[in-house]
Amino acid sequence: MVQFAVSGQFRSRDGFNEFTTDVEAPNKNVARERVYANIGSQHGLKRTQIKIDSVRSLSDNADTGANADADADESEVAG
């Protein structure tokens, strides 16, 4: 799974409050859905009251998958 930073706004009594949260998800769409669920349940909001401005990946693709395994193999050989 990949870490995503999701930022946006949600409606409150005083107008709009901004938020930024980190979510672990397999892709951007799932990260977006998890934020709707989390913010909505914490603040009693519907999806229409939550506006997501950006979803960006915090993990580099080079740190996951085959490259991470190759780095581990190199450290075993060097040690």
Protein backbone atom coordinates (compact mmCIF):
# COMPACT_ATOMS: atom_id res chain seq x y z
CA MET A 1 0.00 0.00 0.00
CA VAL A 2 1.04 3.58 -0.63
CA GLN A 3 0.83 6.63 1.66
CA PHE A 4 -1.18 9.55 0.26
CA ALA A 5 -1.44 13.12 1.56
CA VAL A 6 -4.99 14.36 1.06
CA SER A 7 -5.95 17.99 1.60
CA GLY A 8 -9.19 19.87 1.26
CA GLN A 9 -11.99 21.64 3.10
CA PHE A 10 -15.16 20.68 4.91
CA ARG A 11 -18.19 22.73 5.84
CA SER A 12 -18.68 23.66 9.49
CA ARG A 13 -20.81 26.12 11.43
CA ASP A 14 -18.21 28.86 11.00
CA GLY A 15 -17.72 28.39 7.26
CA PHE A 16 -15.10 26.04 5.87
CA ASN A 17 -12.27 24.34 7.76
CA GLU A 18 -9.17 23.14 5.94
CA PHE A 19 -7.65 19.73 6.56
CA THR A 20 -4.64 17.67 5.54
CA THR A 21 -4.43 14.00 6.39
CA ASP A 22 -2.27 11.01 5.48
CA VAL A 23 -4.01 7.85 4.30
CA GLU A 24 -2.67 4.43 3.37
CA ALA A 25 -4.40 3.04 0.27
CA PRO A 26 -3.67 1.05 -2.89
CA ASN A 27 -4.50 4.00 -5.21
CA LYS A 28 -5.71 7.63 -5.29
CA ASN A 29 -9.39 6.77 -5.68
CA VAL A 30 -9.40 4.54 -2.60
CA ALA A 31 -7.49 7.20 -0.65
CA ARG A 32 -10.15 9.74 -1.62
CA GLU A 33 -12.95 7.38 -0.51
CA ARG A 34 -11.26 6.73 2.84
CA VAL A 35 -10.99 10.46 3.51
CA TYR A 36 -14.69 10.95 2.74
CA ALA A 37 -15.50 8.13 5.18
CA ASN A 38 -13.14 9.31 7.94
CA ILE A 39 -13.93 13.04 7.84
CA GLY A 40 -17.63 12.34 7.37
CA SER A 41 -17.84 10.03 10.37
CA GLN A 42 -15.70 12.24 12.63
CA HIS A 43 -17.66 15.42 11.93
CA GLY A 44 -21.09 14.06 10.95
CA LEU A 45 -20.82 15.32 7.36
CA LYS A 46 -22.09 14.13 4.01
CA ARG A 47 -19.81 13.79 0.99
CA THR A 48 -21.29 16.93 -0.54
CA GLN A 49 -20.03 18.91 2.47
CA ILE A 50 -16.42 17.74 1.95
CA LYS A 51 -14.25 19.13 -0.84
CA ILE A 52 -10.98 17.35 -1.61
CA ASP A 53 -8.49 19.69 -3.29
CA SER A 54 -5.49 17.40 -3.81
CA VAL A 55 -4.35 13.81 -3.42
CA ARG A 56 -0.62 13.19 -3.74
CA SER A 57 1.57 10.18 -3.14
CA LEU A 58 4.09 10.35 -0.31
CA SER A 59 5.87 7.13 -1.30
CA ASP A 60 8.39 6.92 -4.11
CA ASN A 61 7.87 4.08 -6.57
CA ALA A 62 11.61 3.32 -6.33
CA ASP A 63 11.21 2.38 -2.65
CA THR A 64 8.60 -0.30 -3.34
CA GLY A 65 8.53 -3.49 -5.32
CA ALA A 66 11.53 -5.12 -6.98
CA ASN A 67 13.96 -2.27 -6.31
CA ALA A 68 13.52 -2.60 -2.55
CA ASP A 69 14.28 -6.33 -2.80
CA ALA A 70 17.39 -5.65 -4.89
CA ASP A 71 18.66 -3.18 -2.28
CA ALA A 72 18.18 -5.77 0.46
CA ASP A 73 20.10 -8.37 -1.55
CA GLU A 74 23.02 -5.96 -2.08
CA SER A 75 23.32 -5.26 1.64
CA GLU A 76 23.45 -9.01 2.40
CA VAL A 77 26.26 -9.51 -0.13
CA ALA A 78 28.23 -6.52 1.17
CA GLY A 79 27.91 -7.61 4.81
